Amino acid sequence: MASYQVFFSGRVQGVGFRYSVKRIAAGYEVVGWVRNLPDGRVELHAGGGREEVDAFLAAIESSPLRHHVQSIERHPIPPLRERFGFVIER
């Protein structure tokens, strides 16, 4: 199992970034959430099997969203408590 906190910076708010990430998540067995931050970044927490989470994050990075991203910070975190689903937090 693996869980990560990921910060995306660049032009990642107001471009459908969170909704696109949620749509990508539907294709993977991951749990977690994505939200906008007041400083203009987007924060994501994702957990699941290591290969599944890595594939999910790679899919985000290789999607058309990559054109909006200037940098990505990825940090391992303790396992997520969510049992299922990936949501957009407000």
PDB file of N, CA and C in Angstrom:
ATOM      1  N   MET A   1       0.837  -1.183   0.000  1.00  0.00           N
ATOM      2  CA  MET A   1       0.000   0.000   0.000  1.00  0.00           C
ATOM      3  C   MET A   1       0.881   1.245   0.000  1.00  0.00           C
ATOM      4  N   ALA A   2       0.380   2.292  -0.646  1.00  0.00           N
ATOM      5  CA  ALA A   2       1.114   3.554  -0.721  1.00  0.00           C
ATOM      6  C   ALA A   2       0.126   4.705  -0.678  1.00  0.00           C
ATOM      7  N   SER A   3       0.538   5.780  -0.031  1.00  0.00           N
ATOM      8  CA  SER A   3      -0.266   7.004  -0.012  1.00  0.00           C
ATOM      9  C   SER A   3       0.663   8.190  -0.206  1.00  0.00           C
ATOM     10  N   TYR A   4       0.189   9.163  -0.985  1.00  0.00           N
ATOM     11  CA  TYR A   4       0.998  10.338  -1.279  1.00  0.00           C
ATOM     12  C   TYR A   4       0.177  11.608  -1.157  1.00  0.00           C
ATOM     13  N   GLN A   5       0.872  12.661  -0.756  1.00  0.00           N
ATOM     14  CA  GLN A   5       0.361  14.024  -0.832  1.00  0.00           C
ATOM     15  C   GLN A   5       1.121  14.645  -1.998  1.00  0.00           C
ATOM     16  N   VAL A   6       0.383  15.220  -2.935  1.00  0.00           N
ATOM     17  CA  VAL A   6       1.008  15.789  -4.125  1.00  0.00           C
ATOM     18  C   VAL A   6       0.515  17.223  -4.291  1.00  0.00           C
ATOM     19  N   PHE A   7       1.449  18.130  -4.540  1.00  0.00           N
ATOM     20  CA  PHE A   7       1.119  19.530  -4.812  1.00  0.00           C
ATOM     21  C   PHE A   7       1.461  19.830  -6.265  1.00  0.00           C
ATOM     22  N   PHE A   8       0.492  20.377  -6.988  1.00  0.00           N
ATOM     23  CA  PHE A   8       0.690  20.810  -8.370  1.00  0.00           C
ATOM     24  C   PHE A   8       0.673  22.326  -8.388  1.00  0.00           C
ATOM     25  N   SER A   9       1.676  22.940  -8.988  1.00  0.00           N
ATOM     26  CA  SER A   9       1.676  24.394  -9.118  1.00  0.00           C
ATOM     27  C   SER A   9       1.787  24.761 -10.589  1.00  0.00           C
ATOM     28  N   GLY A  10       1.394  25.967 -10.879  1.00  0.00           N
ATOM     29  CA  GLY A  10       1.335  26.463 -12.252  1.00  0.00           C
ATOM     30  C   GLY A  10      -0.027  27.089 -12.453  1.00  0.00           C
ATOM     31  N   ARG A  11      -0.557  26.947 -13.647  1.00  0.00           N
ATOM     32  CA  ARG A  11      -1.915  27.453 -13.925  1.00  0.00           C
ATOM     33  C   ARG A  11      -2.881  26.273 -13.761  1.00  0.00           C
ATOM     34  N   VAL A  12      -3.100  25.889 -12.505  1.00  0.00           N
ATOM     35  CA  VAL A  12      -3.848  24.677 -12.213  1.00  0.00           C
ATOM     36  C   VAL A  12      -5.223  24.945 -11.596  1.00  0.00           C
ATOM     37  N   GLN A  13      -5.587  26.194 -11.416  1.00  0.00           N
ATOM     38  CA  GLN A  13      -6.923  26.519 -10.925  1.00  0.00           C
ATOM     39  C   GLN A  13      -7.682  27.258 -12.019  1.00  0.00           C
ATOM     40  N   GLY A  14      -8.968  26.964 -12.113  1.00  0.00           N
ATOM     41  CA  GLY A  14      -9.798  27.616 -13.122  1.00  0.00           C
ATOM     42  C   GLY A  14      -9.689  27.004 -14.498  1.00  0.00           C
ATOM     43  N   VAL A  15      -9.095  25.806 -14.585  1.00  0.00           N
ATOM     44  CA  VAL A  15      -8.924  25.151 -15.889  1.00  0.00           C
ATOM     45  C   VAL A  15      -9.519  23.739 -15.897  1.00  0.00           C
ATOM     46  N   GLY A  16     -10.304  23.396 -14.875  1.00  0.00           N
ATOM     47  CA  GLY A  16     -10.900  22.066 -14.795  1.00  0.00           C
ATOM     48  C   GLY A  16      -9.943  21.001 -14.295  1.00  0.00           C
ATOM     49  N   PHE A  17      -8.883  21.413 -13.627  1.00  0.00           N
ATOM     50  CA  PHE A  17      -7.846  20.480 -13.182  1.00  0.00           C
ATOM     51  C   PHE A  17      -8.411  19.422 -12.233  1.00  0.00           C
ATOM     52  N   ARG A  18      -9.147  19.848 -11.202  1.00  0.00           N
ATOM     53  CA  ARG A  18      -9.674  18.900 -10.214  1.00  0.00           C
ATOM     54  C   ARG A  18     -10.644  17.917 -10.856  1.00  0.00           C
ATOM     55  N   TYR A  19     -11.499  18.394 -11.747  1.00  0.00           N
ATOM     56  CA  TYR A  19     -12.465  17.518 -12.389  1.00  0.00           C
ATOM     57  C   TYR A  19     -11.773  16.525 -13.311  1.00  0.00           C
ATOM     58  N   SER A  20     -10.732  16.963 -13.975  1.00  0.00           N
ATOM     59  CA  SER A  20      -9.969  16.045 -14.830  1.00  0.00           C
ATOM     60  C   SER A  20      -9.262  14.985 -13.998  1.00  0.00           C
ATOM     61  N   VAL A  21      -8.711  15.387 -12.852  1.00  0.00           N
ATOM     62  CA  VAL A  21      -8.049  14.420 -11.965  1.00  0.00           C
ATOM     63  C   VAL A  21      -9.063  13.396 -11.460  1.00  0.00           C
ATOM     64  N   LYS A  22     -10.251  13.837 -11.093  1.00  0.00           N
ATOM     65  CA  LYS A  22     -11.287  12.910 -10.626  1.00  0.00           C
ATOM     66  C   LYS A  22     -11.669  11.936 -11.731  1.00  0.00           C
ATOM     67  N   ARG A  23     -11.765  12.412 -12.947  1.00  0.00           N
ATOM     68  CA  ARG A  23     -12.094  11.554 -14.090  1.00  0.00           C
ATOM     69  C   ARG A  23     -10.982  10.523 -14.319  1.00  0.00           C
ATOM     70  N   ILE A  24      -9.734  10.952 -14.195  1.00  0.00           N
ATOM     71  CA  ILE A  24      -8.609  10.017 -14.340  1.00  0.00           C
ATOM     72  C   ILE A  24      -8.655   8.980 -13.221  1.00  0.00           C
ATOM     73  N   ALA A  25      -8.964   9.415 -12.001  1.00  0.00           N
ATOM     74  CA  ALA A  25      -9.002   8.509 -10.844  1.00  0.00           C
ATOM     75  C   ALA A  25     -10.012   7.380 -11.045  1.00  0.00           C
ATOM     76  N   ALA A  26     -11.085   7.639 -11.792  1.00  0.00           N
ATOM     77  CA  ALA A  26     -12.110   6.627 -12.012  1.00  0.00           C
ATOM     78  C   ALA A  26     -11.552   5.389 -12.709  1.00  0.00           C
ATOM     79  N   GLY A  27     -10.440   5.527 -13.384  1.00  0.00           N
ATOM     80  CA  GLY A  27      -9.831   4.397 -14.085  1.00  0.00           C
ATOM     81  C   GLY A  27      -8.841   3.606 -13.246  1.00  0.00           C
ATOM     82  N   TYR A  28      -8.709   3.954 -11.985  1.00  0.00           N
ATOM     83  CA  TYR A  28      -7.717   3.315 -11.109  1.00  0.00           C
ATOM     84  C   TYR A  28      -8.359   2.966  -9.772  1.00  0.00           C
ATOM     85  N   GLU A  29      -7.807   1.996  -9.117  1.00  0.00           N
ATOM     86  CA  GLU A  29      -8.279   1.605  -7.787  1.00  0.00           C
ATOM     87  C   GLU A  29      -7.527   2.430  -6.748  1.00  0.00           C
ATOM     88  N   VAL A  30      -7.916   3.700  -6.653  1.00  0.00           N
ATOM     89  CA  VAL A  30      -7.302   4.622  -5.697  1.00  0.00           C
ATOM     90  C   VAL A  30      -8.403   5.288  -4.878  1.00  0.00           C
ATOM     91  N   VAL A  31      -8.037   5.718  -3.696  1.00  0.00           N
ATOM     92  CA  VAL A  31      -8.925   6.508  -2.845  1.00  0.00           C
ATOM     93  C   VAL A  31      -8.239   7.828  -2.572  1.00  0.00           C
ATOM     94  N   GLY A  32      -9.033   8.833  -2.186  1.00  0.00           N
ATOM     95  CA  GLY A  32      -8.419  10.103  -1.829  1.00  0.00           C
ATOM     96  C   GLY A  32      -9.258  11.278  -2.251  1.00  0.00           C
ATOM     97  N   TRP A  33      -8.576  12.405  -2.406  1.00  0.00           N
ATOM     98  CA  TRP A  33      -9.258  13.648  -2.731  1.00  0.00           C
ATOM     99  C   TRP A  33      -8.302  14.626  -3.401  1.00  0.00           C
ATOM    100  N   VAL A  34      -8.906  15.663  -3.997  1.00  0.00           N
ATOM    101  CA  VAL A  34      -8.158  16.739  -4.641  1.00  0.00           C
ATOM    102  C   VAL A  34      -8.864  18.045  -4.299  1.00  0.00           C
ATOM    103  N   ARG A  35      -8.090  19.115  -4.077  1.00  0.00           N
ATOM    104  CA  ARG A  35      -8.689  20.404  -3.746  1.00  0.00           C
ATOM    105  C   ARG A  35      -7.774  21.548  -4.167  1.00  0.00           C
ATOM    106  N   ASN A  36      -8.395  22.722  -4.366  1.00  0.00           N
ATOM    107  CA  ASN A  36      -7.645  23.950  -4.609  1.00  0.00           C
ATOM    108  C   ASN A  36      -7.136  24.495  -3.283  1.00  0.00           C
ATOM    109  N   LEU A  37      -5.979  25.122  -3.315  1.00  0.00           N
ATOM    110  CA  LEU A  37      -5.422  25.785  -2.145  1.00  0.00           C
ATOM    111  C   LEU A  37      -5.461  27.299  -2.358  1.00  0.00           C
ATOM    112  N   PRO A  38      -5.531  28.065  -1.277  1.00  0.00           N
ATOM    113  CA  PRO A  38      -5.587  29.532  -1.401  1.00  0.00           C
ATOM    114  C   PRO A  38      -4.375  30.125  -2.115  1.00  0.00           C
ATOM    115  N   ASP A  39      -3.229  29.446  -2.100  1.00  0.00           N
ATOM    116  CA  ASP A  39      -2.023  29.993  -2.731  1.00  0.00           C
ATOM    117  C   ASP A  39      -1.936  29.706  -4.228  1.00  0.00           C
ATOM    118  N   GLY A  40      -2.998  29.118  -4.809  1.00  0.00           N
ATOM    119  CA  GLY A  40      -3.026  28.871  -6.248  1.00  0.00           C
ATOM    120  C   GLY A  40      -2.614  27.472  -6.657  1.00  0.00           C
ATOM    121  N   ARG A  41      -2.138  26.673  -5.708  1.00  0.00           N
ATOM    122  CA  ARG A  41      -1.765  25.294  -6.025  1.00  0.00           C
ATOM    123  C   ARG A  41      -2.984  24.379  -5.891  1.00  0.00           C
ATOM    124  N   VAL A  42      -2.823  23.156  -6.370  1.00  0.00           N
ATOM    125  CA  VAL A  42      -3.802  22.104  -6.169  1.00  0.00           C
ATOM    126  C   VAL A  42      -3.130  21.022  -5.342  1.00  0.00           C
ATOM    127  N   GLU A  43      -3.845  20.544  -4.312  1.00  0.00           N
ATOM    128  CA  GLU A  43      -3.335  19.485  -3.444  1.00  0.00           C
ATOM    129  C   GLU A  43      -4.128  18.209  -3.701  1.00  0.00           C
ATOM    130  N   LEU A  44      -3.417  17.098  -3.763  1.00  0.00           N
ATOM    131  CA  LEU A  44      -4.027  15.803  -3.991  1.00  0.00           C
ATOM    132  C   LEU A  44      -3.521  14.833  -2.931  1.00  0.00           C
ATOM    133  N   HIS A  45      -4.404  14.014  -2.384  1.00  0.00           N
ATOM    134  CA  HIS A  45      -4.029  12.889  -1.536  1.00  0.00           C
ATOM    135  C   HIS A  45      -4.558  11.649  -2.228  1.00  0.00           C
ATOM    136  N   ALA A  46      -3.704  10.668  -2.450  1.00  0.00           N
ATOM    137  CA  ALA A  46      -4.115   9.441  -3.120  1.00  0.00           C
ATOM    138  C   ALA A  46      -3.490   8.245  -2.434  1.00  0.00           C
ATOM    139  N   GLY A  47      -4.283   7.188  -2.287  1.00  0.00           N
ATOM    140  CA  GLY A  47      -3.786   5.974  -1.658  1.00  0.00           C
ATOM    141  C   GLY A  47      -4.335   4.745  -2.349  1.00  0.00           C
ATOM    142  N   GLY A  48      -3.636   3.627  -2.137  1.00  0.00           N
ATOM    143  CA  GLY A  48      -4.031   2.349  -2.723  1.00  0.00           C
ATOM    144  C   GLY A  48      -2.807   1.478  -2.878  1.00  0.00           C
ATOM    145  N   GLY A  49      -2.912   0.464  -3.705  1.00  0.00           N
ATOM    146  CA  GLY A  49      -1.747  -0.360  -4.014  1.00  0.00           C
ATOM    147  C   GLY A  49      -0.678   0.490  -4.688  1.00  0.00           C
ATOM    148  N   ARG A  50       0.573   0.225  -4.361  1.00  0.00           N
ATOM    149  CA  ARG A  50       1.667   1.060  -4.875  1.00  0.00           C
ATOM    150  C   ARG A  50       1.638   1.183  -6.399  1.00  0.00           C
ATOM    151  N   GLU A  51       1.503   0.082  -7.101  1.00  0.00           N
ATOM    152  CA  GLU A  51       1.509   0.145  -8.578  1.00  0.00           C
ATOM    153  C   GLU A  51       0.321   0.945  -9.099  1.00  0.00           C
ATOM    154  N   GLU A  52      -0.838   0.781  -8.456  1.00  0.00           N
ATOM    155  CA  GLU A  52      -2.040   1.486  -8.900  1.00  0.00           C
ATOM    156  C   GLU A  52      -1.899   2.991  -8.671  1.00  0.00           C
ATOM    157  N   VAL A  53      -1.396   3.383  -7.507  1.00  0.00           N
ATOM    158  CA  VAL A  53      -1.215   4.812  -7.205  1.00  0.00           C
ATOM    159  C   VAL A  53      -0.162   5.413  -8.126  1.00  0.00           C
ATOM    160  N   ASP A  54       0.936   4.704  -8.322  1.00  0.00           N
ATOM    161  CA  ASP A  54       1.978   5.205  -9.228  1.00  0.00           C
ATOM    162  C   ASP A  54       1.450   5.375 -10.643  1.00  0.00           C
ATOM    163  N   ALA A  55       0.630   4.411 -11.111  1.00  0.00           N
ATOM    164  CA  ALA A  55       0.061   4.505 -12.462  1.00  0.00           C
ATOM    165  C   ALA A  55      -0.909   5.685 -12.552  1.00  0.00           C
ATOM    166  N   PHE A  56      -1.706   5.893 -11.505  1.00  0.00           N
ATOM    167  CA  PHE A  56      -2.636   7.023 -11.459  1.00  0.00           C
ATOM    168  C   PHE A  56      -1.888   8.350 -11.556  1.00  0.00           C
ATOM    169  N   LEU A  57      -0.854   8.504 -10.748  1.00  0.00           N
ATOM    170  CA  LEU A  57      -0.086   9.761 -10.766  1.00  0.00           C
ATOM    171  C   LEU A  57       0.625   9.947 -12.104  1.00  0.00           C
ATOM    172  N   ALA A  58       1.121   8.864 -12.684  1.00  0.00           N
ATOM    173  CA  ALA A  58       1.759   8.952 -14.005  1.00  0.00           C
ATOM    174  C   ALA A  58       0.737   9.359 -15.070  1.00  0.00           C
ATOM    175  N   ALA A  59      -0.492   8.866 -14.941  1.00  0.00           N
ATOM    176  CA  ALA A  59      -1.547   9.228 -15.897  1.00  0.00           C
ATOM    177  C   ALA A  59      -1.870  10.712 -15.822  1.00  0.00           C
ATOM    178  N   ILE A  60      -1.873  11.266 -14.612  1.00  0.00           N
ATOM    179  CA  ILE A  60      -2.100  12.709 -14.465  1.00  0.00           C
ATOM    180  C   ILE A  60      -0.968  13.471 -15.152  1.00  0.00           C
ATOM    181  N   GLU A  61       0.272  13.048 -14.882  1.00  0.00           N
ATOM    182  CA  GLU A  61       1.439  13.753 -15.417  1.00  0.00           C
ATOM    183  C   GLU A  61       1.558  13.647 -16.928  1.00  0.00           C
ATOM    184  N   SER A  62       0.989  12.599 -17.521  1.00  0.00           N
ATOM    185  CA  SER A  62       1.091  12.457 -18.984  1.00  0.00           C
ATOM    186  C   SER A  62      -0.179  12.917 -19.704  1.00  0.00           C
ATOM    187  N   SER A  63      -1.175  13.365 -18.955  1.00  0.00           N
ATOM    188  CA  SER A  63      -2.431  13.838 -19.551  1.00  0.00           C
ATOM    189  C   SER A  63      -2.260  15.265 -20.077  1.00  0.00           C
ATOM    190  N   PRO A  64      -3.265  15.788 -20.762  1.00  0.00           N
ATOM    191  CA  PRO A  64      -3.210  17.186 -21.201  1.00  0.00           C
ATOM    192  C   PRO A  64      -3.051  18.182 -20.043  1.00  0.00           C
ATOM    193  N   LEU A  65      -3.318  17.756 -18.815  1.00  0.00           N
ATOM    194  CA  LEU A  65      -3.118  18.631 -17.654  1.00  0.00           C
ATOM    195  C   LEU A  65      -1.669  19.083 -17.525  1.00  0.00           C
ATOM    196  N   ARG A  66      -0.748  18.298 -18.052  1.00  0.00           N
ATOM    197  CA  ARG A  66       0.683  18.616 -17.904  1.00  0.00           C
ATOM    198  C   ARG A  66       1.025  19.993 -18.459  1.00  0.00           C
ATOM    199  N   HIS A  67       0.224  20.486 -19.396  1.00  0.00           N
ATOM    200  CA  HIS A  67       0.483  21.806 -19.983  1.00  0.00           C
ATOM    201  C   HIS A  67       0.221  22.938 -18.992  1.00  0.00           C
ATOM    202  N   HIS A  68      -0.524  22.649 -17.933  1.00  0.00           N
ATOM    203  CA  HIS A  68      -0.845  23.658 -16.925  1.00  0.00           C
ATOM    204  C   HIS A  68       0.082  23.599 -15.713  1.00  0.00           C
ATOM    205  N   VAL A  69       0.878  22.543 -15.627  1.00  0.00           N
ATOM    206  CA  VAL A  69       1.689  22.286 -14.430  1.00  0.00           C
ATOM    207  C   VAL A  69       3.117  22.780 -14.629  1.00  0.00           C
ATOM    208  N   GLN A  70       3.584  23.592 -13.674  1.00  0.00           N
ATOM    209  CA  GLN A  70       4.982  24.028 -13.690  1.00  0.00           C
ATOM    210  C   GLN A  70       5.849  23.140 -12.820  1.00  0.00           C
ATOM    211  N   SER A  71       5.294  22.697 -11.669  1.00  0.00           N
ATOM    212  CA  SER A  71       6.066  21.825 -10.792  1.00  0.00           C
ATOM    213  C   SER A  71       5.138  20.909 -10.007  1.00  0.00           C
ATOM    214  N   ILE A  72       5.719  19.772  -9.585  1.00  0.00           N
ATOM    215  CA  ILE A  72       4.996  18.775  -8.814  1.00  0.00           C
ATOM    216  C   ILE A  72       5.855  18.400  -7.616  1.00  0.00           C
ATOM    217  N   GLU A  73       5.256  18.447  -6.431  1.00  0.00           N
ATOM    218  CA  GLU A  73       5.918  17.980  -5.209  1.00  0.00           C
ATOM    219  C   GLU A  73       5.154  16.751  -4.738  1.00  0.00           C
ATOM    220  N   ARG A  74       5.861  15.659  -4.521  1.00  0.00           N
ATOM    221  CA  ARG A  74       5.221  14.403  -4.113  1.00  0.00           C
ATOM    222  C   ARG A  74       5.856  13.927  -2.813  1.00  0.00           C
ATOM    223  N   HIS A  75       5.019  13.703  -1.790  1.00  0.00           N
ATOM    224  CA  HIS A  75       5.503  13.292  -0.476  1.00  0.00           C
ATOM    225  C   HIS A  75       4.741  12.067   0.001  1.00  0.00           C
ATOM    226  N   PRO A  76       5.434  11.037   0.489  1.00  0.00           N
ATOM    227  CA  PRO A  76       4.714   9.898   1.081  1.00  0.00           C
ATOM    228  C   PRO A  76       4.042  10.341   2.381  1.00  0.00           C
ATOM    229  N   ILE A  77       2.859   9.800   2.633  1.00  0.00           N
ATOM    230  CA  ILE A  77       2.107  10.110   3.846  1.00  0.00           C
ATOM    231  C   ILE A  77       1.593   8.800   4.448  1.00  0.00           C
ATOM    232  N   PRO A  78       1.133   8.835   5.706  1.00  0.00           N
ATOM    233  CA  PRO A  78       0.530   7.644   6.305  1.00  0.00           C
ATOM    234  C   PRO A  78      -0.678   7.188   5.490  1.00  0.00           C
ATOM    235  N   PRO A  79      -1.043   5.921   5.592  1.00  0.00           N
ATOM    236  CA  PRO A  79      -2.195   5.410   4.821  1.00  0.00           C
ATOM    237  C   PRO A  79      -3.444   6.253   5.033  1.00  0.00           C
ATOM    238  N   LEU A  80      -4.178   6.445   3.959  1.00  0.00           N
ATOM    239  CA  LEU A  80      -5.423   7.215   4.031  1.00  0.00           C
ATOM    240  C   LEU A  80      -6.499   6.404   4.729  1.00  0.00           C
ATOM    241  N   ARG A  81      -7.402   7.082   5.406  1.00  0.00           N
ATOM    242  CA  ARG A  81      -8.487   6.414   6.127  1.00  0.00           C
ATOM    243  C   ARG A  81      -9.689   6.128   5.233  1.00  0.00           C
ATOM    244  N   GLU A  82      -9.758   6.766   4.086  1.00  0.00           N
ATOM    245  CA  GLU A  82     -10.882   6.531   3.183  1.00  0.00           C
ATOM    246  C   GLU A  82     -10.888   5.066   2.767  1.00  0.00           C
ATOM    247  N   ARG A  83     -12.047   4.477   2.751  1.00  0.00           N
ATOM    248  CA  ARG A  83     -12.146   3.068   2.358  1.00  0.00           C
ATOM    249  C   ARG A  83     -12.416   2.922   0.862  1.00  0.00           C
ATOM    250  N   PHE A  84     -13.033   3.923   0.259  1.00  0.00           N
ATOM    251  CA  PHE A  84     -13.312   3.844  -1.167  1.00  0.00           C
ATOM    252  C   PHE A  84     -13.560   5.235  -1.719  1.00  0.00           C
ATOM    253  N   GLY A  85     -13.370   5.365  -3.007  1.00  0.00           N
ATOM    254  CA  GLY A  85     -13.726   6.586  -3.698  1.00  0.00           C
ATOM    255  C   GLY A  85     -12.654   7.652  -3.750  1.00  0.00           C
ATOM    256  N   PHE A  86     -12.817   8.513  -4.718  1.00  0.00           N
ATOM    257  CA  PHE A  86     -11.949   9.664  -4.929  1.00  0.00           C
ATOM    258  C   PHE A  86     -12.853  10.854  -5.144  1.00  0.00           C
ATOM    259  N   VAL A  87     -12.681  11.907  -4.358  1.00  0.00           N
ATOM    260  CA  VAL A  87     -13.615  13.034  -4.391  1.00  0.00           C
ATOM    261  C   VAL A  87     -12.885  14.361  -4.580  1.00  0.00           C
ATOM    262  N   ILE A  88     -13.669  15.355  -4.953  1.00  0.00           N
ATOM    263  CA  ILE A  88     -13.193  16.728  -5.024  1.00  0.00           C
ATOM    264  C   ILE A  88     -13.615  17.398  -3.721  1.00  0.00           C
ATOM    265  N   GLU A  89     -12.663  17.925  -2.988  1.00  0.00           N
ATOM    266  CA  GLU A  89     -12.973  18.674  -1.760  1.00  0.00           C
ATOM    267  C   GLU A  89     -13.040  20.141  -2.096  1.00  0.00           C
ATOM    268  N   ARG A  90     -13.865  20.854  -1.400  1.00  0.00           N
ATOM    269  CA  ARG A  90     -14.013  22.283  -1.625  1.00  0.00           C
ATOM    270  C   ARG A  90     -13.369  23.049  -0.505  1.00  0.00           C
TER     271      ARG A  90
END
